[in-house]
C-alpha atoms as a PDB file:
ATOM      1  CA  UNK A   1      -0.103   0.176  -0.100  1.00  0.00           C
ATOM      2  CA  UNK A   2       3.068   2.462   0.763  1.00  0.00           C
ATOM      3  CA  UNK A   3       4.312   1.592  -2.302  1.00  0.00           C
ATOM      4  CA  UNK A   4       1.300   2.467  -4.014  1.00  0.00           C
ATOM      5  CA  UNK A   5       0.581   5.567  -2.638  1.00  0.00           C
ATOM      6  CA  UNK A   6       4.198   7.240  -2.725  1.00  0.00           C
ATOM      7  CA  UNK A   7       3.470   5.959  -7.264  1.00  0.00           C
ATOM      8  CA  UNK A   8       0.462   7.755  -7.530  1.00  0.00           C
ATOM      9  CA  UNK A   9       1.047  11.200  -5.560  1.00  0.00           C
ATOM     10  CA  UNK A  10       4.293  11.437  -7.134  1.00  0.00           C
ATOM     11  CA  UNK A  11       2.606  10.677 -10.612  1.00  0.00           C
ATOM     12  CA  UNK A  12      -0.056  13.422  -9.340  1.00  0.00           C
ATOM     13  CA  UNK A  13       2.340  15.711  -8.672  1.00  0.00           C
ATOM     14  CA  UNK A  14       3.795  15.005 -12.409  1.00  0.00           C
ATOM     15  CA  UNK A  15       0.554  15.164 -14.723  1.00  0.00           C
ATOM     16  CA  UNK A  16      -0.295  18.725 -13.880  1.00  0.00           C
ATOM     17  CA  UNK A  17      -1.924  21.263 -16.219  1.00  0.00           C
ATOM     18  CA  UNK A  18       1.071  20.589 -18.929  1.00  0.00           C
ATOM     19  CA  UNK A  19       0.598  17.163 -19.305  1.00  0.00           C
ATOM     20  CA  UNK A  20      -2.636  16.374 -19.419  1.00  0.00           C
ATOM     21  CA  UNK A  21      -3.622  19.708 -21.326  1.00  0.00           C
ATOM     22  CA  UNK A  22      -1.172  18.134 -23.999  1.00  0.00           C
ATOM     23  CA  UNK A  23       0.720  21.314 -23.892  1.00  0.00           C
ATOM     24  CA  UNK A  24       3.859  20.175 -22.504  1.00  0.00           C
ATOM     25  CA  UNK A  25       3.920  17.069 -24.485  1.00  0.00           C
ATOM     26  CA  UNK A  26       3.290  19.687 -27.691  1.00  0.00           C
ATOM     27  CA  UNK A  27       6.095  21.942 -26.961  1.00  0.00           C
ATOM     28  CA  UNK A  28       8.777  19.403 -25.736  1.00  0.00           C
ATOM     29  CA  UNK A  29       8.406  16.532 -27.793  1.00  0.00           C
ATOM     30  CA  UNK A  30       5.874  16.777 -30.806  1.00  0.00           C
ATOM     31  CA  UNK A  31       7.686  19.253 -32.570  1.00  0.00           C
ATOM     32  CA  UNK A  32      10.578  16.779 -32.923  1.00  0.00           C
ATOM     33  CA  UNK A  33       8.563  14.722 -34.696  1.00  0.00           C
ATOM     34  CA  UNK A  34      10.392  10.612 -34.623  1.00  0.00           C
ATOM     35  CA  UNK A  35      13.180  11.919 -32.425  1.00  0.00           C
ATOM     36  CA  UNK A  36      10.349  13.111 -29.487  1.00  0.00           C
ATOM     37  CA  UNK A  37       9.884   9.171 -29.142  1.00  0.00           C
ATOM     38  CA  UNK A  38      13.331   8.904 -28.057  1.00  0.00           C
ATOM     39  CA  UNK A  39      12.560  11.601 -25.833  1.00  0.00           C
ATOM     40  CA  UNK A  40       9.407  10.459 -24.418  1.00  0.00           C
ATOM     41  CA  UNK A  41      11.812   7.282 -23.472  1.00  0.00           C
ATOM     42  CA  UNK A  42      14.401   9.775 -21.738  1.00  0.00           C
ATOM     43  CA  UNK A  43      12.194  11.695 -19.626  1.00  0.00           C
ATOM     44  CA  UNK A  44      10.530   8.517 -18.582  1.00  0.00           C
ATOM     45  CA  UNK A  45      13.671   7.023 -17.374  1.00  0.00           C
ATOM     46  CA  UNK A  46      14.445  10.166 -15.743  1.00  0.00           C
ATOM     47  CA  UNK A  47      11.337  10.106 -13.724  1.00  0.00           C
ATOM     48  CA  UNK A  48      11.488   7.109 -12.850  1.00  0.00           C
ATOM     49  CA  UNK A  49      15.263   6.953 -11.740  1.00  0.00           C
ATOM     50  CA  UNK A  50      14.425   9.900  -9.903  1.00  0.00           C
ATOM     51  CA  UNK A  51      11.962   8.647  -7.877  1.00  0.00           C
ATOM     52  CA  UNK A  52      13.950   5.413  -7.017  1.00  0.00           C
ATOM     53  CA  UNK A  53      16.668   7.383  -5.774  1.00  0.00           C
ATOM     54  CA  UNK A  54      15.375   9.988  -3.764  1.00  0.00           C
ATOM     55  CA  UNK A  55      13.137   7.349  -1.902  1.00  0.00           C
ATOM     56  CA  UNK A  56      16.049   4.602  -1.116  1.00  0.00           C
ATOM     57  CA  UNK A  57      18.255   7.612  -0.030  1.00  0.00           C
ATOM     58  CA  UNK A  58      15.338   9.143   2.075  1.00  0.00           C
ATOM     59  CA  UNK A  59      15.123   5.377   3.619  1.00  0.00           C
ATOM     60  CA  UNK A  60      18.839   4.912   4.103  1.00  0.00           C
ATOM     61  CA  UNK A  61      19.528   8.040   5.821  1.00  0.00           C
ATOM     62  CA  UNK A  62      16.685   7.786   7.619  1.00  0.00           C
ATOM     63  CA  UNK A  63      15.322  11.135   6.787  1.00  0.00           C
ATOM     64  CA  UNK A  64      12.287  12.322   5.581  1.00  0.00           C
ATOM     65  CA  UNK A  65      12.985  16.018   5.018  1.00  0.00           C
ATOM     66  CA  UNK A  66      14.156  17.520   1.244  1.00  0.00           C
ATOM     67  CA  UNK A  67      16.405  19.854   2.997  1.00  0.00           C
ATOM     68  CA  UNK A  68      18.006  17.978   5.941  1.00  0.00           C
ATOM     69  CA  UNK A  69      18.454  15.561   3.063  1.00  0.00           C
ATOM     70  CA  UNK A  70      20.595  17.436   0.450  1.00  0.00           C
ATOM     71  CA  UNK A  71      22.378  18.921   3.787  1.00  0.00           C
ATOM     72  CA  UNK A  72      23.397  15.838   4.780  1.00  0.00           C
ATOM     73  CA  UNK A  73      24.224  13.899   1.796  1.00  0.00           C
ATOM     74  CA  UNK A  74      26.071  17.276   0.131  1.00  0.00           C
ATOM     75  CA  UNK A  75      26.789  20.766   2.070  1.00  0.00           C
ATOM     76  CA  UNK A  76      24.834  23.639   4.177  1.00  0.00           C
ATOM     77  CA  UNK A  77      25.431  26.018   1.149  1.00  0.00           C
ATOM     78  CA  UNK A  78      24.183  23.663  -1.764  1.00  0.00           C
ATOM     79  CA  UNK A  79      20.904  22.644   0.269  1.00  0.00           C
ATOM     80  CA  UNK A  80      20.278  26.279   1.165  1.00  0.00           C
ATOM     81  CA  UNK A  81      20.368  26.837  -2.425  1.00  0.00           C
ATOM     82  CA  UNK A  82      18.470  23.861  -3.922  1.00  0.00           C
ATOM     83  CA  UNK A  83      15.864  24.341  -1.098  1.00  0.00           C
ATOM     84  CA  UNK A  84      14.848  27.900  -2.457  1.00  0.00           C
ATOM     85  CA  UNK A  85      15.076  27.097  -6.159  1.00  0.00           C
ATOM     86  CA  UNK A  86      12.770  24.209  -5.327  1.00  0.00           C
ATOM     87  CA  UNK A  87      10.428  26.141  -3.539  1.00  0.00           C
ATOM     88  CA  UNK A  88      11.016  28.550  -6.422  1.00  0.00           C
ATOM     89  CA  UNK A  89      10.129  25.897  -9.065  1.00  0.00           C
ATOM     90  CA  UNK A  90       7.413  24.510  -7.121  1.00  0.00           C
ATOM     91  CA  UNK A  91       5.726  27.910  -6.597  1.00  0.00           C
ATOM     92  CA  UNK A  92       5.572  28.511 -10.797  1.00  0.00           C
ATOM     93  CA  UNK A  93       4.152  24.952 -11.300  1.00  0.00           C
ATOM     94  CA  UNK A  94       1.558  26.279  -8.569  1.00  0.00           C
ATOM     95  CA  UNK A  95       0.815  29.575 -10.914  1.00  0.00           C
ATOM     96  CA  UNK A  96       1.204  27.384 -13.677  1.00  0.00           C
ATOM     97  CA  UNK A  97      -2.168  24.962 -12.364  1.00  0.00           C
ATOM     98  CA  UNK A  98      -4.390  28.162 -11.768  1.00  0.00           C
ATOM     99  CA  UNK A  99      -3.324  29.391 -15.430  1.00  0.00           C
ATOM    100  CA  UNK A 100      -4.742  26.250 -17.025  1.00  0.00           C
ATOM    101  CA  UNK A 101      -7.920  25.842 -15.054  1.00  0.00           C
ATOM    102  CA  UNK A 102      -8.591  29.756 -16.186  1.00  0.00           C
ATOM    103  CA  UNK A 103      -8.260  28.495 -19.857  1.00  0.00           C
ATOM    104  CA  UNK A 104     -10.270  25.276 -19.094  1.00  0.00           C
ATOM    105  CA  UNK A 105     -12.973  27.538 -17.501  1.00  0.00           C
ATOM    106  CA  UNK A 106     -13.226  29.297 -20.739  1.00  0.00           C
ATOM    107  CA  UNK A 107     -13.167  26.595 -22.725  1.00  0.00           C
ATOM    108  CA  UNK A 108     -15.678  24.527 -21.092  1.00  0.00           C
ATOM    109  CA  UNK A 109     -18.288  27.148 -18.988  1.00  0.00           C
ATOM    110  CA  UNK A 110     -17.388  30.436 -21.022  1.00  0.00           C
ATOM    111  CA  UNK A 111     -15.546  31.895 -18.085  1.00  0.00           C
ATOM    112  CA  UNK A 112     -13.025  34.862 -17.122  1.00  0.00           C
ATOM    113  CA  UNK A 113      -9.864  33.422 -17.202  1.00  0.00           C
ATOM    114  CA  UNK A 114      -9.614  34.900 -14.516  1.00  0.00           C
ATOM    115  CA  UNK A 115     -12.701  33.603 -12.975  1.00  0.00           C
ATOM    116  CA  UNK A 116     -11.445  30.342 -13.386  1.00  0.00           C
ATOM    117  CA  UNK A 117      -8.168  31.126 -12.133  1.00  0.00           C
ATOM    118  CA  UNK A 118      -9.636  32.104  -8.637  1.00  0.00           C
ATOM    119  CA  UNK A 119     -11.815  29.319  -8.437  1.00  0.00           C
ATOM    120  CA  UNK A 120      -8.408  27.230  -8.366  1.00  0.00           C
ATOM    121  CA  UNK A 121      -6.704  29.141  -6.193  1.00  0.00           C
ATOM    122  CA  UNK A 122      -9.874  28.780  -3.422  1.00  0.00           C
ATOM    123  CA  UNK A 123      -9.843  25.035  -3.789  1.00  0.00           C
ATOM    124  CA  UNK A 124      -5.964  24.574  -3.259  1.00  0.00           C
ATOM    125  CA  UNK A 125      -5.944  26.865  -0.856  1.00  0.00           C
ATOM    126  CA  UNK A 126      -8.839  24.976   0.755  1.00  0.00           C
ATOM    127  CA  UNK A 127      -6.743  21.610   0.522  1.00  0.00           C
ATOM    128  CA  UNK A 128      -3.935  22.613   1.569  1.00  0.00           C
ATOM    129  CA  UNK A 129      -5.347  24.353   5.280  1.00  0.00           C
ATOM    130  CA  UNK A 130      -6.167  20.769   5.656  1.00  0.00           C
ATOM    131  CA  UNK A 131      -4.363  18.253   7.764  1.00  0.00           C
ATOM    132  CA  UNK A 132      -1.206  16.878   5.207  1.00  0.00           C
ATOM    133  CA  UNK A 133      -1.540  13.493   5.425  1.00  0.00           C
ATOM    134  CA  UNK A 134      -5.202  13.113   4.934  1.00  0.00           C
ATOM    135  CA  UNK A 135      -4.330  15.386   1.777  1.00  0.00           C
ATOM    136  CA  UNK A 136      -1.445  13.291   0.789  1.00  0.00           C
ATOM    137  CA  UNK A 137      -4.154  10.013   0.625  1.00  0.00           C
ATOM    138  CA  UNK A 138      -6.455  12.002  -0.989  1.00  0.00           C
ATOM    139  CA  UNK A 139      -3.979  13.251  -3.969  1.00  0.00           C
ATOM    140  CA  UNK A 140      -2.672   9.658  -4.047  1.00  0.00           C
ATOM    141  CA  UNK A 141      -6.483   8.288  -4.792  1.00  0.00           C
ATOM    142  CA  UNK A 142      -6.643  11.096  -7.507  1.00  0.00           C
ATOM    143  CA  UNK A 143      -3.439  10.296  -8.778  1.00  0.00           C
ATOM    144  CA  UNK A 144      -4.628   6.862  -9.423  1.00  0.00           C
ATOM    145  CA  UNK A 145      -7.934   7.944 -11.002  1.00  0.00           C
ATOM    146  CA  UNK A 146      -6.306  10.709 -13.381  1.00  0.00           C
ATOM    147  CA  UNK A 147      -3.693   8.238 -14.644  1.00  0.00           C
ATOM    148  CA  UNK A 148      -6.248   5.702 -15.408  1.00  0.00           C
ATOM    149  CA  UNK A 149      -8.606   7.855 -16.980  1.00  0.00           C
ATOM    150  CA  UNK A 150      -5.743  10.043 -19.206  1.00  0.00           C
ATOM    151  CA  UNK A 151      -4.525   6.263 -20.378  1.00  0.00           C
ATOM    152  CA  UNK A 152      -8.367   5.299 -21.293  1.00  0.00           C
ATOM    153  CA  UNK A 153      -9.127   8.138 -23.180  1.00  0.00           C
ATOM    154  CA  UNK A 154      -6.205   8.774 -24.690  1.00  0.00           C
ATOM    155  CA  UNK A 155      -5.719   5.221 -26.427  1.00  0.00           C
ATOM    156  CA  UNK A 156      -9.580   5.762 -27.341  1.00  0.00           C
ATOM    157  CA  UNK A 157      -8.744   8.848 -28.951  1.00  0.00           C
ATOM    158  CA  UNK A 158      -5.878   6.725 -30.917  1.00  0.00           C
ATOM    159  CA  UNK A 159      -7.888   4.376 -31.650  1.00  0.00           C
ATOM    160  CA  UNK A 160     -10.328   6.280 -33.222  1.00  0.00           C
ATOM    161  CA  UNK A 161      -7.922   8.463 -35.019  1.00  0.00           C
ATOM    162  CA  UNK A 162      -8.379  10.208 -38.444  1.00  0.00           C
ATOM    163  CA  UNK A 163      -4.653  10.904 -39.935  1.00  0.00           C
ATOM    164  CA  UNK A 164      -1.021  10.442 -39.405  1.00  0.00           C
ATOM    165  CA  UNK A 165       1.825  12.817 -40.360  1.00  0.00           C
ATOM    166  CA  UNK A 166       4.936  12.868 -38.229  1.00  0.00           C
ATOM    167  CA  UNK A 167       7.760  16.316 -38.065  1.00  0.00           C
ATOM    168  CA  UNK A 168      11.575  16.254 -37.873  1.00  0.00           C
ATOM    169  CA  UNK A 169      13.642  17.256 -35.003  1.00  0.00           C
ATOM    170  CA  UNK A 170      16.842  17.358 -33.666  1.00  0.00           C
ATOM    171  CA  UNK A 171      17.106  18.365 -30.119  1.00  0.00           C
ATOM    172  CA  UNK A 172      14.076  15.868 -28.700  1.00  0.00           C
ATOM    173  CA  UNK A 173      16.407  14.362 -25.838  1.00  0.00           C
ATOM    174  CA  UNK A 174      18.366  17.777 -24.399  1.00  0.00           C
ATOM    175  CA  UNK A 175      14.041  18.720 -23.950  1.00  0.00           C
ATOM    176  CA  UNK A 176      13.271  15.776 -22.404  1.00  0.00           C
ATOM    177  CA  UNK A 177      16.224  16.191 -19.709  1.00  0.00           C
ATOM    178  CA  UNK A 178      14.677  19.897 -19.248  1.00  0.00           C
ATOM    179  CA  UNK A 179      11.048  18.479 -19.108  1.00  0.00           C
ATOM    180  CA  UNK A 180      11.909  16.060 -16.511  1.00  0.00           C
ATOM    181  CA  UNK A 181      14.464  19.133 -14.955  1.00  0.00           C
ATOM    182  CA  UNK A 182      11.127  21.020 -14.027  1.00  0.00           C
ATOM    183  CA  UNK A 183       9.046  18.524 -12.754  1.00  0.00           C
ATOM    184  CA  UNK A 184      11.014  16.556 -10.673  1.00  0.00           C
ATOM    185  CA  UNK A 185      12.799  18.992  -8.578  1.00  0.00           C
ATOM    186  CA  UNK A 186       9.398  19.784  -6.506  1.00  0.00           C
ATOM    187  CA  UNK A 187       8.355  16.311  -6.428  1.00  0.00           C
ATOM    188  CA  UNK A 188      11.723  15.479  -4.560  1.00  0.00           C
ATOM    189  CA  UNK A 189       9.841  17.143  -1.365  1.00  0.00           C
ATOM    190  CA  UNK A 190       7.014  14.273  -1.435  1.00  0.00           C
ATOM    191  CA  UNK A 191       9.095  11.543  -2.283  1.00  0.00           C
ATOM    192  CA  UNK A 192      11.015  12.192   1.199  1.00  0.00           C
ATOM    193  CA  UNK A 193       8.114  11.982   2.842  1.00  0.00           C
ATOM    194  CA  UNK A 194       6.731   9.416   1.490  1.00  0.00           C
ATOM    195  CA  UNK A 195       9.665   7.497   1.670  1.00  0.00           C
ATOM    196  CA  UNK A 196       8.868   6.784   5.510  1.00  0.00           C
ATOM    197  CA  UNK A 197       6.596   3.855   5.061  1.00  0.00           C
ATOM    198  CA  UNK A 198       9.029   1.938   2.451  1.00  0.00           C
ATOM    199  CA  UNK A 199      10.241  -1.037   3.780  1.00  0.00           C
ATOM    200  CA  UNK A 200      13.366  -1.115   1.813  1.00  0.00           C
ATOM    201  CA  UNK A 201      15.448  -1.350  -1.068  1.00  0.00           C
ATOM    202  CA  UNK A 202      13.097  -3.489  -3.365  1.00  0.00           C
ATOM    203  CA  UNK A 203      10.319  -0.874  -2.463  1.00  0.00           C
ATOM    204  CA  UNK A 204      12.017   2.227  -3.730  1.00  0.00           C
ATOM    205  CA  UNK A 205      12.668   0.143  -7.148  1.00  0.00           C
ATOM    206  CA  UNK A 206       8.977  -0.667  -7.329  1.00  0.00           C
ATOM    207  CA  UNK A 207       8.270   3.144  -6.898  1.00  0.00           C
ATOM    208  CA  UNK A 208      10.809   4.056  -9.350  1.00  0.00           C
ATOM    209  CA  UNK A 209       9.521   1.001 -11.933  1.00  0.00           C
ATOM    210  CA  UNK A 210       5.885   1.740 -11.603  1.00  0.00           C
ATOM    211  CA  UNK A 211       6.437   5.357 -12.089  1.00  0.00           C
ATOM    212  CA  UNK A 212       8.817   5.247 -14.938  1.00  0.00           C
ATOM    213  CA  UNK A 213       6.592   2.645 -16.871  1.00  0.00           C
ATOM    214  CA  UNK A 214       3.263   4.971 -15.807  1.00  0.00           C
ATOM    215  CA  UNK A 215       4.964   8.009 -17.553  1.00  0.00           C
ATOM    216  CA  UNK A 216       5.995   6.449 -20.482  1.00  0.00           C
ATOM    217  CA  UNK A 217       2.570   5.161 -21.503  1.00  0.00           C
ATOM    218  CA  UNK A 218       0.862   7.919 -20.792  1.00  0.00           C
ATOM    219  CA  UNK A 219       3.966   9.925 -22.478  1.00  0.00           C
ATOM    220  CA  UNK A 220       3.750   7.957 -25.587  1.00  0.00           C
ATOM    221  CA  UNK A 221      -0.370   7.869 -26.038  1.00  0.00           C
ATOM    222  CA  UNK A 222      -0.429  11.461 -26.033  1.00  0.00           C
ATOM    223  CA  UNK A 223       2.704  11.861 -27.917  1.00  0.00           C
ATOM    224  CA  UNK A 224       1.672   9.805 -31.160  1.00  0.00           C
ATOM    225  CA  UNK A 225      -2.194  11.464 -30.908  1.00  0.00           C
ATOM    226  CA  UNK A 226      -0.596  15.164 -31.055  1.00  0.00           C
ATOM    227  CA  UNK A 227       1.807  13.801 -33.898  1.00  0.00           C
ATOM    228  CA  UNK A 228      -0.883  12.814 -36.146  1.00  0.00           C
ATOM    229  CA  UNK A 229      -2.556  16.455 -35.760  1.00  0.00           C
ATOM    230  CA  UNK A 230      -0.205  18.885 -35.231  1.00  0.00           C
ATOM    231  CA  UNK A 231      -0.231  21.263 -38.149  1.00  0.00           C
ATOM    232  CA  UNK A 232      -3.281  19.621 -39.380  1.00  0.00           C
ATOM    233  CA  UNK A 233      -5.882  21.384 -37.246  1.00  0.00           C
ATOM    234  CA  UNK A 234      -5.961  23.999 -34.947  1.00  0.00           C
ATOM    235  CA  UNK A 235      -5.119  22.512 -31.514  1.00  0.00           C
ATOM    236  CA  UNK A 236      -5.343  25.434 -29.148  1.00  0.00           C
ATOM    237  CA  UNK A 237      -3.782  26.162 -25.888  1.00  0.00           C
ATOM    238  CA  UNK A 238      -5.496  22.588 -24.470  1.00  0.00           C
ATOM    239  CA  UNK A 239      -4.249  20.081 -27.284  1.00  0.00           C
ATOM    240  CA  UNK A 240      -5.861  17.007 -25.076  1.00  0.00           C
ATOM    241  CA  UNK A 241      -9.128  18.839 -24.820  1.00  0.00           C
ATOM    242  CA  UNK A 242      -9.264  19.835 -28.407  1.00  0.00           C
ATOM    243  CA  UNK A 243      -8.698  16.369 -29.540  1.00  0.00           C
ATOM    244  CA  UNK A 244     -11.202  14.954 -26.586  1.00  0.00           C
ATOM    245  CA  UNK A 245     -13.384  17.579 -28.030  1.00  0.00           C
ATOM    246  CA  UNK A 246     -13.364  15.912 -31.812  1.00  0.00           C
ATOM    247  CA  UNK A 247     -14.351  12.460 -30.163  1.00  0.00           C
ATOM    248  CA  UNK A 248     -17.393  13.156 -28.970  1.00  0.00           C
ATOM    249  CA  UNK A 249     -19.159  14.578 -25.863  1.00  0.00           C
ATOM    250  CA  UNK A 250     -18.442  11.551 -23.622  1.00  0.00           C
ATOM    251  CA  UNK A 251     -15.007  11.471 -24.120  1.00  0.00           C
ATOM    252  CA  UNK A 252     -14.727  15.099 -23.817  1.00  0.00           C
ATOM    253  CA  UNK A 253     -16.300  14.855 -20.129  1.00  0.00           C
ATOM    254  CA  UNK A 254     -14.162  12.098 -18.570  1.00  0.00           C
ATOM    255  CA  UNK A 255     -11.010  14.474 -19.980  1.00  0.00           C
ATOM    256  CA  UNK A 256     -12.080  17.143 -18.520  1.00  0.00           C
ATOM    257  CA  UNK A 257     -12.514  15.397 -15.503  1.00  0.00           C
ATOM    258  CA  UNK A 258      -9.440  14.032 -15.764  1.00  0.00           C
ATOM    259  CA  UNK A 259      -7.731  17.270 -16.339  1.00  0.00           C
ATOM    260  CA  UNK A 260      -9.514  18.811 -13.424  1.00  0.00           C
ATOM    261  CA  UNK A 261      -8.038  15.978 -10.934  1.00  0.00           C
ATOM    262  CA  UNK A 262      -4.850  16.587 -12.404  1.00  0.00           C
ATOM    263  CA  UNK A 263      -4.807  20.046 -11.886  1.00  0.00           C
ATOM    264  CA  UNK A 264      -5.445  20.046  -8.067  1.00  0.00           C
ATOM    265  CA  UNK A 265      -3.121  17.012  -7.547  1.00  0.00           C
ATOM    266  CA  UNK A 266       0.085  18.831  -8.585  1.00  0.00           C
ATOM    267  CA  UNK A 267      -1.324  22.175  -6.933  1.00  0.00           C
ATOM    268  CA  UNK A 268      -1.855  20.707  -3.530  1.00  0.00           C
ATOM    269  CA  UNK A 269       1.937  18.565  -4.346  1.00  0.00           C
ATOM    270  CA  UNK A 270       3.660  22.038  -5.845  1.00  0.00           C
ATOM    271  CA  UNK A 271       1.254  23.838  -2.763  1.00  0.00           C
ATOM    272  CA  UNK A 272       3.047  21.663  -0.273  1.00  0.00           C
ATOM    273  CA  UNK A 273       6.351  21.980  -1.553  1.00  0.00           C
ATOM    274  CA  UNK A 274       6.748  25.834  -1.137  1.00  0.00           C
ATOM    275  CA  UNK A 275       4.999  25.802   2.025  1.00  0.00           C
ATOM    276  CA  UNK A 276       7.227  22.912   3.586  1.00  0.00           C
ATOM    277  CA  UNK A 277      10.049  25.321   2.520  1.00  0.00           C
ATOM    278  CA  UNK A 278       8.776  29.219   3.083  1.00  0.00           C
ATOM    279  CA  UNK A 279       6.420  28.615   5.881  1.00  0.00           C
ATOM    280  CA  UNK A 280       9.361  27.801   8.422  1.00  0.00           C
ATOM    281  CA  UNK A 281      10.475  31.371   7.804  1.00  0.00           C
ATOM    282  CA  UNK A 282       6.964  33.210   7.422  1.00  0.00           C
ATOM    283  CA  UNK A 283       4.175  30.835   8.893  1.00  0.00           C
ATOM    284  CA  UNK A 284       1.745  28.756   7.150  1.00  0.00           C
ATOM    285  CA  UNK A 285      -1.251  30.969   6.481  1.00  0.00           C
ATOM    286  CA  UNK A 286       0.627  34.007   5.253  1.00  0.00           C
ATOM    287  CA  UNK A 287       2.880  31.766   2.894  1.00  0.00           C
ATOM    288  CA  UNK A 288      -0.470  30.599   1.279  1.00  0.00           C
ATOM    289  CA  UNK A 289      -2.216  34.299   1.105  1.00  0.00           C
ATOM    290  CA  UNK A 290       1.358  35.296  -0.956  1.00  0.00           C
ATOM    291  CA  UNK A 291       1.221  32.106  -3.081  1.00  0.00           C
ATOM    292  CA  UNK A 292      -2.686  32.900  -3.801  1.00  0.00           C
ATOM    293  CA  UNK A 293      -2.058  36.069  -4.363  1.00  0.00           C
ATOM    294  CA  UNK A 294       0.936  35.645  -6.807  1.00  0.00           C
ATOM    295  CA  UNK A 295      -0.593  32.658  -8.492  1.00  0.00           C
ATOM    296  CA  UNK A 296      -3.572  35.358  -9.430  1.00  0.00           C
ATOM    297  CA  UNK A 297      -1.194  38.003 -10.832  1.00  0.00           C
ATOM    298  CA  UNK A 298       1.059  35.680 -12.899  1.00  0.00           C
ATOM    299  CA  UNK A 299      -2.070  33.558 -14.153  1.00  0.00           C
ATOM    300  CA  UNK A 300      -3.466  36.217 -16.610  1.00  0.00           C
ATOM    301  CA  UNK A 301       0.083  35.893 -18.669  1.00  0.00           C
ATOM    302  CA  UNK A 302      -1.790  33.057 -20.173  1.00  0.00           C
ATOM    303  CA  UNK A 303      -1.295  29.097 -20.209  1.00  0.00           C
ATOM    304  CA  UNK A 304       0.426  28.082 -23.220  1.00  0.00           C
ATOM    305  CA  UNK A 305       2.995  31.262 -22.838  1.00  0.00           C
ATOM    306  CA  UNK A 306       3.985  30.481 -19.153  1.00  0.00           C
ATOM    307  CA  UNK A 307       4.460  26.342 -20.822  1.00  0.00           C
ATOM    308  CA  UNK A 308       6.803  27.688 -23.850  1.00  0.00           C
ATOM    309  CA  UNK A 309       8.888  30.192 -21.585  1.00  0.00           C
ATOM    310  CA  UNK A 310       8.762  30.017 -17.742  1.00  0.00           C
ATOM    311  CA  UNK A 311       8.686  26.000 -17.765  1.00  0.00           C
ATOM    312  CA  UNK A 312      11.772  25.598 -20.070  1.00  0.00           C
ATOM    313  CA  UNK A 313      13.878  28.035 -18.300  1.00  0.00           C
ATOM    314  CA  UNK A 314      13.073  26.077 -14.895  1.00  0.00           C
ATOM    315  CA  UNK A 315      13.865  22.963 -16.574  1.00  0.00           C
ATOM    316  CA  UNK A 316      17.161  23.429 -18.202  1.00  0.00           C
ATOM    317  CA  UNK A 317      18.240  25.220 -14.241  1.00  0.00           C
ATOM    318  CA  UNK A 318      16.496  22.282 -12.535  1.00  0.00           C
ATOM    319  CA  UNK A 319      18.279  19.337 -14.646  1.00  0.00           C
ATOM    320  CA  UNK A 320      21.825  20.991 -13.840  1.00  0.00           C
ATOM    321  CA  UNK A 321      20.927  21.625 -10.424  1.00  0.00           C
ATOM    322  CA  UNK A 322      19.869  18.045  -9.976  1.00  0.00           C
ATOM    323  CA  UNK A 323      22.723  16.608 -11.674  1.00  0.00           C
ATOM    324  CA  UNK A 324      25.377  18.701  -9.170  1.00  0.00           C
ATOM    325  CA  UNK A 325      22.828  16.874  -6.143  1.00  0.00           C
ATOM    326  CA  UNK A 326      23.454  13.578  -7.683  1.00  0.00           C
ATOM    327  CA  UNK A 327      26.976  13.688  -8.117  1.00  0.00           C
ATOM    328  CA  UNK A 328      27.932  15.350  -4.790  1.00  0.00           C
ATOM    329  CA  UNK A 329      26.044  12.837  -2.864  1.00  0.00           C
ATOM    330  CA  UNK A 330      27.919  10.119  -4.863  1.00  0.00           C
ATOM    331  CA  UNK A 331      30.889  11.645  -3.682  1.00  0.00           C
ATOM    332  CA  UNK A 332      29.905  12.136  -0.745  1.00  0.00           C
ATOM    333  CA  UNK A 333      29.014   8.663   0.134  1.00  0.00           C
ATOM    334  CA  UNK A 334      31.993   7.069  -1.597  1.00  0.00           C
ATOM    335  CA  UNK A 335      34.212   9.515   0.535  1.00  0.00           C
ATOM    336  CA  UNK A 336      32.214   8.012   3.802  1.00  0.00           C
ATOM    337  CA  UNK A 337      32.220   4.399   2.750  1.00  0.00           C
ATOM    338  CA  UNK A 338      36.510   4.971   2.312  1.00  0.00           C
ATOM    339  CA  UNK A 339      37.296   6.553   5.797  1.00  0.00           C
ATOM    340  CA  UNK A 340      34.964   3.429   6.899  1.00  0.00           C
ATOM    341  CA  UNK A 341      37.298   1.182   5.513  1.00  0.00           C
ATOM    342  CA  UNK A 342      40.353   3.243   6.524  1.00  0.00           C
ATOM    343  CA  UNK A 343      39.060   3.054  10.429  1.00  0.00           C
ATOM    344  CA  UNK A 344      39.043  -1.042  10.339  1.00  0.00           C
END
């Protein structure tokens, strides 16, 4: 059960607005055509390996606080830098979720985008005020439903597709690293918390393998579907919703619910990450107020624009920071092992 809760919380944190709407898949993979398929495989592998690495590290070190784990495995300076960058990235993800709901509400209900963003901000704030253990269980359940719904709807749309075309590209593998970079950095906070219930290395490996496989299946389906229609029909800022609308009312309703669920799970995961770091300095309620105010202001910049600019920049920075963290932690572990051997 602990493994399933960890997997679906992690998946729930990853499949937010950008993924579920199709905008991330379009931006980071589809534009590179068949090479984008390789990018999907690389990104899925990164997701799975990161889940295993962080879960196993937290368990081995008996340290379930992300900031303390980084400090223990690298240095105080690296921990401080990575901690605040993680908070900033998570805040960026939180804001993008509000922006996406604004676009979704406009598309489905004819609301103004700002009204939709305000509604989503209120929902996320209420959830973040609840007890964290309860919220994580809810998030895990929603993650399971969301993953199953997205896989089912995506492959149904693939089975009833109309035409196919592939584009050419070259930088897909690099982009896949950027895509994974901004997604996993904030998710580390959740993985550390959930590692507490892991019974051993095998559980950590299961979390990594299951997470990577689920992400690969979902990303592959969305990649294939959007590749077939990109540049042939206007996909808009919510490409997967556009495809669902072309497949009939039932698929539209199901996919809309999955998209809303994905927004909630990722907003909550991002919010927990920000509050875990920032609330120690300014208090939970004040932190939540500032997050909500910023989300309402920045969400007006437009969902597609935020994905294309903010997410890409965050991704490259995140990829570099994760690489530095892993290298430093490996060096520190090897140094500790060598000192143990010498003392014997």
